[in-house]
Amino acid sequence: MRILFTVLCGGLWLILGAAPILPMPSDWHAPHALAHDFHMSKGQIEYAPAEQSLQITLHFFIDDMEEALRRNGADKLFLGSERETAQAEEQLISYLRRHLAITLDGKPVNARFLGKETSNDYAGLWCYLVVEDIEEAPRQISIRYDLLQEVFGDQKNIINVLGPGGKRVTLLFEKDNALQKAQF
């Protein structure tokens, strides 16, 4: 039976789409590229008034990103592993700059890459970015986010935007709908 989706939960691997719950040793780590039949990323963009910044967190499957980078000429980067190449982070940053654009109240802003880390199951990668020097609370955040959509036609990207006053907006980015706006 094909594994459709796996989730690490308290030392158990739940296999959705298959019947059993399989116990795994607590020190076992998922292989670098788990098979998955869906393509999605998730993220959060939070307005932080005390820091006058937007704090950005993105999460995606490592194997999907490596495929996108391979198609752009950067092969065998081994993202998030002990074998990660010297140019891996540079290639990742370049890719993110091409596929994530943010505009605050009609003015484009640049997100600075802070770092990355693998998820607990080693199948995903968390990336952290920041937009600094935001002097006024934004009334509108426009986001173009087409991460991995040139590779996977079914790629879905979800971003939760936490704006001024704690207002929360969830945006879904699909292949033909990669530009979204959050109003506050």
N, C-alpha and C. Protein backbone atom coordinates (compact mmCIF):
# COMPACT_ATOMS: atom_id res chain seq x y z
N MET A 1 0.85 -1.18 0.00
CA MET A 1 0.00 0.00 0.00
C MET A 1 0.89 1.24 0.00
N ARG A 2 0.58 2.21 -0.82
CA ARG A 2 1.40 3.41 -0.96
C ARG A 2 1.14 4.36 0.21
N ILE A 3 2.19 4.90 0.77
CA ILE A 3 2.06 5.86 1.85
C ILE A 3 1.66 7.20 1.25
N LEU A 4 0.54 7.73 1.70
CA LEU A 4 0.07 9.00 1.17
C LEU A 4 0.59 10.18 1.98
N PHE A 5 0.70 10.01 3.27
CA PHE A 5 1.07 11.14 4.10
C PHE A 5 1.56 10.60 5.44
N THR A 6 2.64 11.11 5.94
CA THR A 6 3.11 10.68 7.25
C THR A 6 3.27 11.87 8.17
N VAL A 7 3.01 11.62 9.43
CA VAL A 7 3.14 12.66 10.44
C VAL A 7 3.79 12.02 11.66
N LEU A 8 4.81 12.63 12.21
CA LEU A 8 5.41 12.15 13.43
C LEU A 8 4.59 12.67 14.59
N CYS A 9 4.15 11.79 15.44
CA CYS A 9 3.27 12.19 16.54
C CYS A 9 3.63 11.39 17.77
N GLY A 10 4.35 11.98 18.69
CA GLY A 10 4.67 11.32 19.95
C GLY A 10 5.37 9.99 19.78
N GLY A 11 6.31 9.90 18.86
CA GLY A 11 7.05 8.67 18.67
C GLY A 11 6.35 7.65 17.78
N LEU A 12 5.16 7.97 17.30
CA LEU A 12 4.43 7.07 16.39
C LEU A 12 4.35 7.71 15.03
N TRP A 13 4.50 6.93 14.00
CA TRP A 13 4.27 7.42 12.65
C TRP A 13 2.85 7.06 12.29
N LEU A 14 2.03 8.06 12.07
CA LEU A 14 0.66 7.82 11.63
C LEU A 14 0.68 7.79 10.12
N ILE A 15 0.14 6.77 9.55
CA ILE A 15 0.12 6.67 8.10
C ILE A 15 -1.31 6.85 7.67
N LEU A 16 -1.60 8.03 7.12
CA LEU A 16 -2.94 8.36 6.69
C LEU A 16 -3.14 7.78 5.31
N GLY A 17 -4.24 7.15 5.10
CA GLY A 17 -4.48 6.50 3.83
C GLY A 17 -4.14 5.02 3.93
N ALA A 18 -3.52 4.61 4.99
CA ALA A 18 -3.28 3.21 5.30
C ALA A 18 -3.84 2.97 6.69
N ALA A 19 -4.19 1.78 7.01
CA ALA A 19 -4.90 1.49 8.24
C ALA A 19 -4.05 1.52 9.51
N PRO A 20 -2.87 0.89 9.54
CA PRO A 20 -2.22 0.72 10.84
C PRO A 20 -1.51 1.97 11.32
N ILE A 21 -1.34 2.01 12.63
CA ILE A 21 -0.45 2.98 13.25
C ILE A 21 0.81 2.20 13.60
N LEU A 22 1.92 2.60 13.01
CA LEU A 22 3.15 1.84 13.17
C LEU A 22 4.06 2.50 14.19
N PRO A 23 4.39 1.82 15.28
CA PRO A 23 5.35 2.40 16.23
C PRO A 23 6.75 2.36 15.64
N MET A 24 7.50 3.43 15.84
CA MET A 24 8.87 3.51 15.36
C MET A 24 9.77 3.83 16.55
N PRO A 25 11.00 3.38 16.52
CA PRO A 25 11.91 3.72 17.61
C PRO A 25 12.04 5.23 17.74
N SER A 26 12.17 5.71 18.98
CA SER A 26 12.21 7.15 19.20
C SER A 26 13.44 7.81 18.60
N ASP A 27 14.51 7.04 18.36
CA ASP A 27 15.71 7.63 17.77
C ASP A 27 15.75 7.50 16.25
N TRP A 28 14.69 6.96 15.65
CA TRP A 28 14.64 6.80 14.20
C TRP A 28 14.31 8.13 13.56
N HIS A 29 14.98 8.44 12.46
CA HIS A 29 14.71 9.68 11.74
C HIS A 29 14.24 9.33 10.34
N ALA A 30 13.30 10.11 9.85
CA ALA A 30 12.75 9.88 8.52
C ALA A 30 13.83 10.05 7.46
N PRO A 31 13.74 9.31 6.37
CA PRO A 31 14.69 9.52 5.29
C PRO A 31 14.55 10.93 4.74
N HIS A 32 15.60 11.39 4.12
CA HIS A 32 15.65 12.77 3.62
C HIS A 32 14.50 13.07 2.67
N ALA A 33 14.04 12.12 1.92
CA ALA A 33 12.97 12.38 0.95
C ALA A 33 11.85 11.35 1.12
N LEU A 34 10.88 11.66 1.94
CA LEU A 34 9.72 10.79 2.10
C LEU A 34 8.83 10.93 0.88
N ALA A 35 8.26 9.84 0.44
CA ALA A 35 7.33 9.90 -0.69
C ALA A 35 6.08 10.64 -0.26
N HIS A 36 5.61 11.52 -1.10
CA HIS A 36 4.35 12.19 -0.81
C HIS A 36 3.66 12.52 -2.12
N ASP A 37 2.33 12.37 -2.09
CA ASP A 37 1.52 12.58 -3.28
C ASP A 37 0.93 13.97 -3.34
N PHE A 38 1.25 14.80 -2.42
CA PHE A 38 0.74 16.17 -2.44
C PHE A 38 1.93 17.11 -2.36
N HIS A 39 1.72 18.32 -2.82
CA HIS A 39 2.79 19.31 -2.85
C HIS A 39 2.26 20.59 -2.21
N MET A 40 2.79 20.91 -1.04
CA MET A 40 2.34 22.12 -0.37
C MET A 40 3.45 22.69 0.49
N SER A 41 3.36 23.98 0.70
CA SER A 41 4.23 24.64 1.65
C SER A 41 3.33 25.44 2.58
N LYS A 42 3.88 25.79 3.71
CA LYS A 42 3.13 26.63 4.64
C LYS A 42 4.07 27.73 5.14
N GLY A 43 3.46 28.79 5.61
CA GLY A 43 4.28 29.87 6.11
C GLY A 43 3.48 30.83 6.96
N GLN A 44 4.21 31.75 7.56
CA GLN A 44 3.58 32.80 8.36
C GLN A 44 4.35 34.09 8.15
N ILE A 45 3.60 35.16 8.01
CA ILE A 45 4.17 36.50 7.96
C ILE A 45 3.51 37.28 9.09
N GLU A 46 4.31 37.73 10.02
CA GLU A 46 3.77 38.41 11.21
C GLU A 46 4.33 39.82 11.32
N TYR A 47 3.42 40.77 11.43
CA TYR A 47 3.83 42.15 11.69
C TYR A 47 4.18 42.26 13.17
N ALA A 48 5.41 42.70 13.47
CA ALA A 48 5.89 42.84 14.85
C ALA A 48 6.14 44.31 15.11
N PRO A 49 5.15 45.03 15.67
CA PRO A 49 5.31 46.48 15.84
C PRO A 49 6.48 46.86 16.75
N ALA A 50 6.75 46.09 17.79
CA ALA A 50 7.85 46.44 18.70
C ALA A 50 9.20 46.42 17.99
N GLU A 51 9.35 45.51 17.03
CA GLU A 51 10.59 45.42 16.27
C GLU A 51 10.52 46.18 14.95
N GLN A 52 9.38 46.77 14.65
CA GLN A 52 9.14 47.46 13.38
C GLN A 52 9.55 46.57 12.21
N SER A 53 8.99 45.35 12.21
CA SER A 53 9.40 44.39 11.19
C SER A 53 8.25 43.45 10.81
N LEU A 54 8.47 42.75 9.69
CA LEU A 54 7.67 41.59 9.32
C LEU A 54 8.57 40.39 9.55
N GLN A 55 8.10 39.45 10.32
CA GLN A 55 8.87 38.23 10.58
C GLN A 55 8.25 37.12 9.75
N ILE A 56 9.06 36.49 8.91
CA ILE A 56 8.57 35.53 7.92
C ILE A 56 9.15 34.16 8.20
N THR A 57 8.26 33.18 8.23
CA THR A 57 8.66 31.78 8.40
C THR A 57 8.05 30.99 7.26
N LEU A 58 8.86 30.21 6.55
CA LEU A 58 8.39 29.38 5.45
C LEU A 58 8.80 27.94 5.70
N HIS A 59 7.93 27.00 5.32
CA HIS A 59 8.23 25.58 5.47
C HIS A 59 7.82 24.84 4.21
N PHE A 60 8.70 23.97 3.72
CA PHE A 60 8.43 23.20 2.51
C PHE A 60 9.21 21.89 2.59
N PHE A 61 8.84 20.94 1.72
CA PHE A 61 9.54 19.67 1.66
C PHE A 61 10.90 19.86 1.02
N ILE A 62 11.92 19.30 1.64
CA ILE A 62 13.29 19.44 1.13
C ILE A 62 13.42 18.83 -0.26
N ASP A 63 12.86 17.64 -0.47
CA ASP A 63 13.03 17.00 -1.77
C ASP A 63 12.37 17.80 -2.89
N ASP A 64 11.27 18.47 -2.59
CA ASP A 64 10.62 19.32 -3.60
C ASP A 64 11.51 20.51 -3.95
N MET A 65 12.09 21.14 -2.92
CA MET A 65 12.98 22.28 -3.18
C MET A 65 14.23 21.85 -3.93
N GLU A 66 14.78 20.72 -3.58
CA GLU A 66 15.96 20.24 -4.29
C GLU A 66 15.66 19.97 -5.76
N GLU A 67 14.44 19.49 -6.03
CA GLU A 67 14.06 19.27 -7.43
C GLU A 67 13.96 20.61 -8.17
N ALA A 68 13.38 21.61 -7.55
CA ALA A 68 13.29 22.94 -8.18
C ALA A 68 14.68 23.51 -8.44
N LEU A 69 15.56 23.39 -7.47
CA LEU A 69 16.91 23.91 -7.63
C LEU A 69 17.69 23.12 -8.68
N ARG A 70 17.46 21.80 -8.74
CA ARG A 70 18.11 20.97 -9.76
C ARG A 70 17.70 21.42 -11.15
N ARG A 71 16.41 21.72 -11.31
CA ARG A 71 15.92 22.18 -12.61
C ARG A 71 16.49 23.54 -12.99
N ASN A 72 16.98 24.28 -11.99
CA ASN A 72 17.62 25.57 -12.24
C ASN A 72 19.14 25.43 -12.33
N GLY A 73 19.62 24.20 -12.42
CA GLY A 73 21.05 23.98 -12.62
C GLY A 73 21.87 23.74 -11.37
N ALA A 74 21.23 23.69 -10.20
CA ALA A 74 21.96 23.45 -8.95
C ALA A 74 21.60 22.06 -8.43
N ASP A 75 22.45 21.09 -8.74
CA ASP A 75 22.17 19.70 -8.41
C ASP A 75 22.97 19.25 -7.19
N LYS A 76 22.43 18.28 -6.49
CA LYS A 76 23.10 17.63 -5.35
C LYS A 76 23.56 18.63 -4.30
N LEU A 77 22.63 19.42 -3.80
CA LEU A 77 22.94 20.41 -2.77
C LEU A 77 22.85 19.83 -1.37
N PHE A 78 22.09 18.77 -1.21
CA PHE A 78 21.91 18.09 0.08
C PHE A 78 21.43 19.05 1.17
N LEU A 79 20.40 19.84 0.84
CA LEU A 79 19.86 20.83 1.78
C LEU A 79 19.54 20.21 3.14
N GLY A 80 19.93 20.90 4.19
CA GLY A 80 19.57 20.50 5.54
C GLY A 80 20.26 19.26 6.06
N SER A 81 21.28 18.78 5.36
CA SER A 81 21.98 17.58 5.82
C SER A 81 23.43 17.93 6.17
N GLU A 82 24.12 16.96 6.74
CA GLU A 82 25.53 17.16 7.05
C GLU A 82 26.37 17.31 5.78
N ARG A 83 25.82 16.83 4.66
CA ARG A 83 26.54 16.90 3.38
C ARG A 83 26.17 18.15 2.57
N GLU A 84 25.43 19.09 3.17
CA GLU A 84 25.02 20.29 2.45
C GLU A 84 26.23 20.98 1.84
N THR A 85 26.10 21.33 0.57
CA THR A 85 27.22 21.96 -0.13
C THR A 85 27.35 23.43 0.25
N ALA A 86 28.51 24.00 -0.05
CA ALA A 86 28.79 25.40 0.27
C ALA A 86 27.84 26.35 -0.45
N GLN A 87 27.42 26.02 -1.66
CA GLN A 87 26.56 26.92 -2.42
C GLN A 87 25.07 26.67 -2.18
N ALA A 88 24.70 25.71 -1.35
CA ALA A 88 23.30 25.36 -1.15
C ALA A 88 22.48 26.54 -0.63
N GLU A 89 22.96 27.20 0.40
CA GLU A 89 22.19 28.31 0.97
C GLU A 89 22.07 29.46 -0.02
N GLU A 90 23.13 29.76 -0.73
CA GLU A 90 23.09 30.82 -1.75
C GLU A 90 22.04 30.51 -2.82
N GLN A 91 21.99 29.26 -3.27
CA GLN A 91 21.00 28.85 -4.27
C GLN A 91 19.58 28.96 -3.72
N LEU A 92 19.40 28.55 -2.47
CA LEU A 92 18.10 28.64 -1.82
C LEU A 92 17.65 30.09 -1.70
N ILE A 93 18.51 30.96 -1.25
CA ILE A 93 18.17 32.38 -1.09
C ILE A 93 17.79 32.98 -2.44
N SER A 94 18.56 32.68 -3.47
CA SER A 94 18.26 33.19 -4.80
C SER A 94 16.89 32.71 -5.27
N TYR A 95 16.58 31.46 -5.03
CA TYR A 95 15.29 30.90 -5.43
C TYR A 95 14.16 31.61 -4.67
N LEU A 96 14.32 31.77 -3.36
CA LEU A 96 13.27 32.42 -2.56
C LEU A 96 13.04 33.86 -3.04
N ARG A 97 14.09 34.57 -3.38
CA ARG A 97 13.94 35.95 -3.88
C ARG A 97 13.14 36.01 -5.18
N ARG A 98 13.29 34.98 -6.02
CA ARG A 98 12.55 34.95 -7.28
C ARG A 98 11.08 34.55 -7.09
N HIS A 99 10.77 33.87 -6.00
CA HIS A 99 9.43 33.30 -5.85
C HIS A 99 8.63 33.86 -4.69
N LEU A 100 9.17 34.85 -3.98
CA LEU A 100 8.44 35.52 -2.90
C LEU A 100 8.67 37.02 -3.04
N ALA A 101 7.58 37.75 -3.23
CA ALA A 101 7.66 39.22 -3.31
C ALA A 101 6.59 39.80 -2.41
N ILE A 102 6.97 40.79 -1.62
CA ILE A 102 6.04 41.40 -0.66
C ILE A 102 5.98 42.89 -0.92
N THR A 103 4.76 43.41 -0.88
CA THR A 103 4.52 44.84 -1.03
C THR A 103 3.70 45.31 0.16
N LEU A 104 4.14 46.37 0.81
CA LEU A 104 3.41 46.96 1.93
C LEU A 104 2.80 48.28 1.48
N ASP A 105 1.49 48.37 1.51
CA ASP A 105 0.79 49.59 1.10
C ASP A 105 1.29 50.09 -0.25
N GLY A 106 1.50 49.17 -1.19
CA GLY A 106 1.90 49.51 -2.55
C GLY A 106 3.38 49.70 -2.77
N LYS A 107 4.19 49.57 -1.71
CA LYS A 107 5.64 49.76 -1.83
C LYS A 107 6.36 48.42 -1.67
N PRO A 108 7.14 48.02 -2.68
CA PRO A 108 7.89 46.76 -2.57
C PRO A 108 8.91 46.83 -1.44
N VAL A 109 9.07 45.72 -0.73
CA VAL A 109 10.06 45.63 0.35
C VAL A 109 10.93 44.40 0.10
N ASN A 110 12.12 44.43 0.68
CA ASN A 110 13.04 43.30 0.56
C ASN A 110 13.11 42.53 1.86
N ALA A 111 12.97 41.22 1.75
CA ALA A 111 13.11 40.35 2.92
C ALA A 111 14.55 39.86 2.99
N ARG A 112 15.12 39.96 4.17
CA ARG A 112 16.49 39.50 4.40
C ARG A 112 16.44 38.09 4.98
N PHE A 113 17.22 37.19 4.40
CA PHE A 113 17.29 35.80 4.85
C PHE A 113 18.06 35.74 6.16
N LEU A 114 17.47 35.12 7.19
CA LEU A 114 18.12 35.01 8.49
C LEU A 114 18.76 33.63 8.69
N GLY A 115 18.11 32.60 8.19
CA GLY A 115 18.65 31.26 8.39
C GLY A 115 17.63 30.19 8.06
N LYS A 116 18.03 28.94 8.32
CA LYS A 116 17.17 27.80 8.01
C LYS A 116 17.49 26.68 8.98
N GLU A 117 16.54 25.75 9.10
CA GLU A 117 16.76 24.54 9.89
C GLU A 117 15.81 23.46 9.40
N THR A 118 16.22 22.21 9.58
CA THR A 118 15.36 21.11 9.17
C THR A 118 14.24 20.93 10.19
N SER A 119 13.12 20.39 9.71
CA SER A 119 12.03 20.05 10.61
C SER A 119 12.41 18.81 11.41
N ASN A 120 11.65 18.51 12.44
CA ASN A 120 11.98 17.39 13.31
C ASN A 120 12.05 16.05 12.56
N ASP A 121 11.30 15.92 11.49
CA ASP A 121 11.29 14.64 10.75
C ASP A 121 12.32 14.61 9.62
N TYR A 122 13.09 15.67 9.45
CA TYR A 122 14.12 15.80 8.43
C TYR A 122 13.58 15.79 7.00
N ALA A 123 12.28 15.84 6.84
CA ALA A 123 11.68 15.87 5.50
C ALA A 123 11.45 17.30 5.03
N GLY A 124 11.36 18.24 5.97
CA GLY A 124 11.05 19.62 5.63
C GLY A 124 12.15 20.58 6.06
N LEU A 125 12.06 21.78 5.53
CA LEU A 125 13.02 22.82 5.86
C LEU A 125 12.26 24.07 6.28
N TRP A 126 12.65 24.66 7.39
CA TRP A 126 12.12 25.95 7.84
C TRP A 126 13.10 27.02 7.42
N CYS A 127 12.58 28.09 6.82
CA CYS A 127 13.41 29.25 6.45
C CYS A 127 12.87 30.47 7.18
N TYR A 128 13.77 31.32 7.64
CA TYR A 128 13.40 32.51 8.40
C TYR A 128 13.92 33.75 7.67
N LEU A 129 13.01 34.71 7.48
CA LEU A 129 13.35 35.96 6.81
C LEU A 129 12.77 37.11 7.61
N VAL A 130 13.23 38.32 7.34
CA VAL A 130 12.70 39.49 8.02
C VAL A 130 12.70 40.68 7.07
N VAL A 131 11.67 41.50 7.20
CA VAL A 131 11.62 42.81 6.54
C VAL A 131 11.71 43.82 7.68
N GLU A 132 12.72 44.66 7.64
CA GLU A 132 12.98 45.58 8.75
C GLU A 132 12.58 47.02 8.40
N ASP A 133 12.62 47.87 9.42
CA ASP A 133 12.39 49.30 9.28
C ASP A 133 10.99 49.64 8.76
N ILE A 134 9.99 48.98 9.31
CA ILE A 134 8.61 49.29 8.98
C ILE A 134 8.11 50.29 10.03
N GLU A 135 8.05 51.55 9.63
CA GLU A 135 7.76 52.61 10.59
C GLU A 135 6.29 52.73 10.94
N GLU A 136 5.40 52.34 10.03
CA GLU A 136 3.96 52.41 10.28
C GLU A 136 3.33 51.05 10.06
N ALA A 137 2.29 50.78 10.81
CA ALA A 137 1.56 49.53 10.63
C ALA A 137 0.98 49.49 9.22
N PRO A 138 1.22 48.41 8.49
CA PRO A 138 0.68 48.33 7.12
C PRO A 138 -0.84 48.16 7.12
N ARG A 139 -1.48 48.79 6.14
CA ARG A 139 -2.92 48.62 5.95
C ARG A 139 -3.20 47.49 4.96
N GLN A 140 -2.21 47.23 4.09
CA GLN A 140 -2.35 46.17 3.11
C GLN A 140 -0.99 45.51 2.87
N ILE A 141 -0.99 44.18 2.85
CA ILE A 141 0.20 43.41 2.50
C ILE A 141 -0.15 42.60 1.26
N SER A 142 0.56 42.85 0.18
CA SER A 142 0.39 42.07 -1.05
C SER A 142 1.55 41.09 -1.13
N ILE A 143 1.23 39.86 -1.48
CA ILE A 143 2.23 38.81 -1.52
C ILE A 143 2.11 38.05 -2.84
N ARG A 144 3.23 37.95 -3.55
CA ARG A 144 3.31 37.04 -4.68
C ARG A 144 4.17 35.89 -4.21
N TYR A 145 3.58 34.70 -4.21
CA TYR A 145 4.28 33.53 -3.67
C TYR A 145 3.99 32.33 -4.56
N ASP A 146 4.91 32.06 -5.47
CA ASP A 146 4.72 30.94 -6.41
C ASP A 146 5.78 29.86 -6.21
N LEU A 147 6.18 29.66 -4.97
CA LEU A 147 7.17 28.67 -4.61
C LEU A 147 6.81 27.30 -5.17
N LEU A 148 7.71 26.70 -5.90
CA LEU A 148 7.62 25.33 -6.43
C LEU A 148 6.51 25.12 -7.45
N GLN A 149 5.79 26.15 -7.82
CA GLN A 149 4.68 25.98 -8.75
C GLN A 149 5.14 25.75 -10.19
N GLU A 150 6.38 26.10 -10.51
CA GLU A 150 6.90 25.80 -11.84
C GLU A 150 7.31 24.34 -11.95
N VAL A 151 7.42 23.66 -10.83
CA VAL A 151 7.82 22.25 -10.80
C VAL A 151 6.62 21.33 -10.66
N PHE A 152 5.69 21.69 -9.78
CA PHE A 152 4.54 20.84 -9.49
C PHE A 152 3.25 21.60 -9.80
N GLY A 153 2.49 21.11 -10.76
CA GLY A 153 1.25 21.77 -11.15
C GLY A 153 0.21 21.82 -10.05
N ASP A 154 0.30 20.90 -9.08
CA ASP A 154 -0.68 20.86 -7.99
C ASP A 154 -0.16 21.53 -6.72
N GLN A 155 0.97 22.23 -6.81
CA GLN A 155 1.56 22.88 -5.64
C GLN A 155 0.61 23.90 -5.03
N LYS A 156 0.41 23.82 -3.72
CA LYS A 156 -0.39 24.77 -2.96
C LYS A 156 0.52 25.39 -1.90
N ASN A 157 0.44 26.68 -1.74
CA ASN A 157 1.21 27.40 -0.73
C ASN A 157 0.24 28.17 0.15
N ILE A 158 0.33 27.95 1.43
CA ILE A 158 -0.56 28.60 2.39
C ILE A 158 0.28 29.50 3.29
N ILE A 159 -0.15 30.74 3.44
CA ILE A 159 0.53 31.66 4.35
C ILE A 159 -0.50 32.30 5.28
N ASN A 160 -0.23 32.22 6.57
CA ASN A 160 -1.02 32.94 7.56
C ASN A 160 -0.34 34.29 7.78
N VAL A 161 -1.13 35.34 7.64
CA VAL A 161 -0.62 36.69 7.84
C VAL A 161 -1.21 37.22 9.14
N LEU A 162 -0.34 37.59 10.06
CA LEU A 162 -0.76 38.18 11.33
C LEU A 162 -0.44 39.67 11.24
N GLY A 163 -1.48 40.46 11.13
CA GLY A 163 -1.31 41.89 10.90
C GLY A 163 -1.49 42.72 12.14
N PRO A 164 -1.56 44.03 11.95
CA PRO A 164 -1.76 44.95 13.08
C PRO A 164 -3.02 44.59 13.86
N GLY A 165 -2.95 44.78 15.16
CA GLY A 165 -4.11 44.50 16.01
C GLY A 165 -4.43 43.03 16.15
N GLY A 166 -3.49 42.17 15.77
CA GLY A 166 -3.70 40.73 15.89
C GLY A 166 -4.62 40.13 14.84
N LYS A 167 -4.98 40.92 13.81
CA LYS A 167 -5.85 40.39 12.76
C LYS A 167 -5.11 39.31 11.99
N ARG A 168 -5.81 38.22 11.74
CA ARG A 168 -5.22 37.06 11.05
C ARG A 168 -5.95 36.80 9.74
N VAL A 169 -5.15 36.62 8.67
CA VAL A 169 -5.69 36.31 7.34
C VAL A 169 -4.92 35.10 6.82
N THR A 170 -5.64 34.11 6.31
CA THR A 170 -5.00 32.95 5.70
C THR A 170 -5.15 33.07 4.19
N LEU A 171 -4.01 32.96 3.49
CA LEU A 171 -3.99 33.11 2.04
C LEU A 171 -3.55 31.79 1.40
N LEU A 172 -4.24 31.42 0.32
CA LEU A 172 -3.91 30.22 -0.44
C LEU A 172 -3.39 30.64 -1.80
N PHE A 173 -2.20 30.18 -2.14
CA PHE A 173 -1.55 30.50 -3.41
C PHE A 173 -1.52 29.23 -4.25
N GLU A 174 -2.12 29.32 -5.44
CA GLU A 174 -2.14 28.20 -6.36
C GLU A 174 -1.51 28.64 -7.67
N LYS A 175 -1.32 27.69 -8.57
CA LYS A 175 -0.59 27.96 -9.82
C LYS A 175 -1.12 29.18 -10.58
N ASP A 176 -2.40 29.32 -10.72
CA ASP A 176 -2.97 30.45 -11.46
C ASP A 176 -3.42 31.58 -10.55
N ASN A 177 -3.01 31.53 -9.29
CA ASN A 177 -3.45 32.53 -8.32
C ASN A 177 -2.33 32.76 -7.30
N ALA A 178 -1.20 33.25 -7.78
CA ALA A 178 -0.02 33.39 -6.92
C ALA A 178 0.10 34.77 -6.30
N LEU A 179 -0.84 35.67 -6.55
CA LEU A 179 -0.81 37.00 -5.94
C LEU A 179 -2.03 37.16 -5.05
N GLN A 180 -1.79 37.45 -3.79
CA GLN A 180 -2.86 37.60 -2.81
C GLN A 180 -2.62 38.87 -1.97
N LYS A 181 -3.72 39.38 -1.40
CA LYS A 181 -3.62 40.58 -0.56
C LYS A 181 -4.31 40.35 0.77
N ALA A 182 -3.74 40.93 1.80
CA ALA A 182 -4.34 40.93 3.13
C ALA A 182 -4.59 42.38 3.51
N GLN A 183 -5.83 42.69 3.84
CA GLN A 183 -6.22 44.06 4.24
C GLN A 183 -6.37 44.12 5.77
N PHE A 184 -5.95 45.24 6.33
CA PHE A 184 -6.08 45.42 7.79
C PHE A 184 -6.75 46.73 8.10
